């Protein structure tokens, strides 16, 4: 499945947003992740949240790659 970002044409009818095509459950899960990251950044009072977000993104991608490699072994 390919991720489709929000395009600011949100709908709440049915099981999927007609704007981005994602399920409402996926959208809700994404919002939870973002809210948790924002709360963590605020609690740490980081002066450089952009660097933290970039580092977390890099770490997530590295862990996904390792998991894929382990699944192929």
Protein backbone atom coordinates (compact mmCIF):
# COMPACT_ATOMS: atom_id res chain seq x y z
CA UNK A 1 0.00 0.00 0.00
CA UNK A 2 1.28 3.45 -0.84
CA UNK A 3 0.90 6.35 1.63
CA UNK A 4 -1.12 9.27 0.35
CA UNK A 5 -0.77 12.53 2.29
CA UNK A 6 -3.69 14.77 3.17
CA UNK A 7 -4.67 17.16 0.38
CA UNK A 8 -7.05 19.27 2.53
CA UNK A 9 -10.18 17.83 0.90
CA UNK A 10 -11.23 15.69 3.86
CA UNK A 11 -14.47 13.73 3.97
CA UNK A 12 -15.86 11.70 6.85
CA UNK A 13 -18.45 9.60 4.99
CA UNK A 14 -17.85 5.93 4.31
CA UNK A 15 -14.77 4.05 5.40
CA UNK A 16 -12.23 6.15 3.46
CA UNK A 17 -11.55 9.86 2.95
CA UNK A 18 -12.49 10.82 -0.58
CA UNK A 19 -9.71 13.45 -0.62
CA UNK A 20 -6.63 11.33 0.09
CA UNK A 21 -8.12 7.84 -0.14
CA UNK A 22 -6.83 6.73 3.26
CA UNK A 23 -9.08 4.87 5.68
CA UNK A 24 -10.44 6.85 8.58
CA UNK A 25 -8.70 4.37 10.91
CA UNK A 26 -5.35 5.09 9.22
CA UNK A 27 -5.92 8.83 9.50
CA UNK A 28 -6.79 8.51 13.20
CA UNK A 29 -3.67 6.42 13.84
CA UNK A 30 -1.48 8.93 12.04
CA UNK A 31 -2.97 11.76 14.10
CA UNK A 32 -2.15 9.85 17.30
CA UNK A 33 1.47 9.41 16.24
CA UNK A 34 1.82 13.09 15.35
CA UNK A 35 0.16 14.24 18.58
CA UNK A 36 2.47 11.99 20.62
CA UNK A 37 5.54 13.36 18.82
CA UNK A 38 4.41 16.96 19.35
CA UNK A 39 3.76 16.32 23.05
CA UNK A 40 7.20 14.70 23.43
CA UNK A 41 8.95 17.59 21.67
CA UNK A 42 7.10 20.11 23.82
CA UNK A 43 7.90 18.19 27.03
CA UNK A 44 11.61 18.14 26.08
CA UNK A 45 11.44 21.83 25.12
CA UNK A 46 13.66 21.19 22.10
CA UNK A 47 15.03 24.33 20.45
CA UNK A 48 15.54 22.37 17.21
CA UNK A 49 12.41 20.27 16.63
CA UNK A 50 13.18 20.03 12.92
CA UNK A 51 16.40 18.12 13.68
CA UNK A 52 14.58 15.81 16.09
CA UNK A 53 11.89 15.02 13.49
CA UNK A 54 14.54 14.37 10.83
CA UNK A 55 16.48 12.07 13.18
CA UNK A 56 13.35 10.13 14.14
CA UNK A 57 12.41 9.74 10.47
CA UNK A 58 15.87 8.39 9.69
CA UNK A 59 15.73 5.99 12.63
CA UNK A 60 12.31 4.68 11.60
CA UNK A 61 13.46 4.06 8.03
CA UNK A 62 16.59 2.24 9.25
CA UNK A 63 14.52 -0.02 11.51
CA UNK A 64 12.06 -0.76 8.69
CA UNK A 65 14.95 -1.73 6.42
CA UNK A 66 16.38 -4.07 9.06
CA UNK A 67 12.96 -5.65 9.59
CA UNK A 68 12.57 -6.22 5.84
CA UNK A 69 16.02 -7.78 5.63
CA UNK A 70 15.26 -10.04 8.60
CA UNK A 71 11.98 -11.08 7.00
CA UNK A 72 13.80 -12.11 3.81
CA UNK A 73 16.39 -14.22 5.62
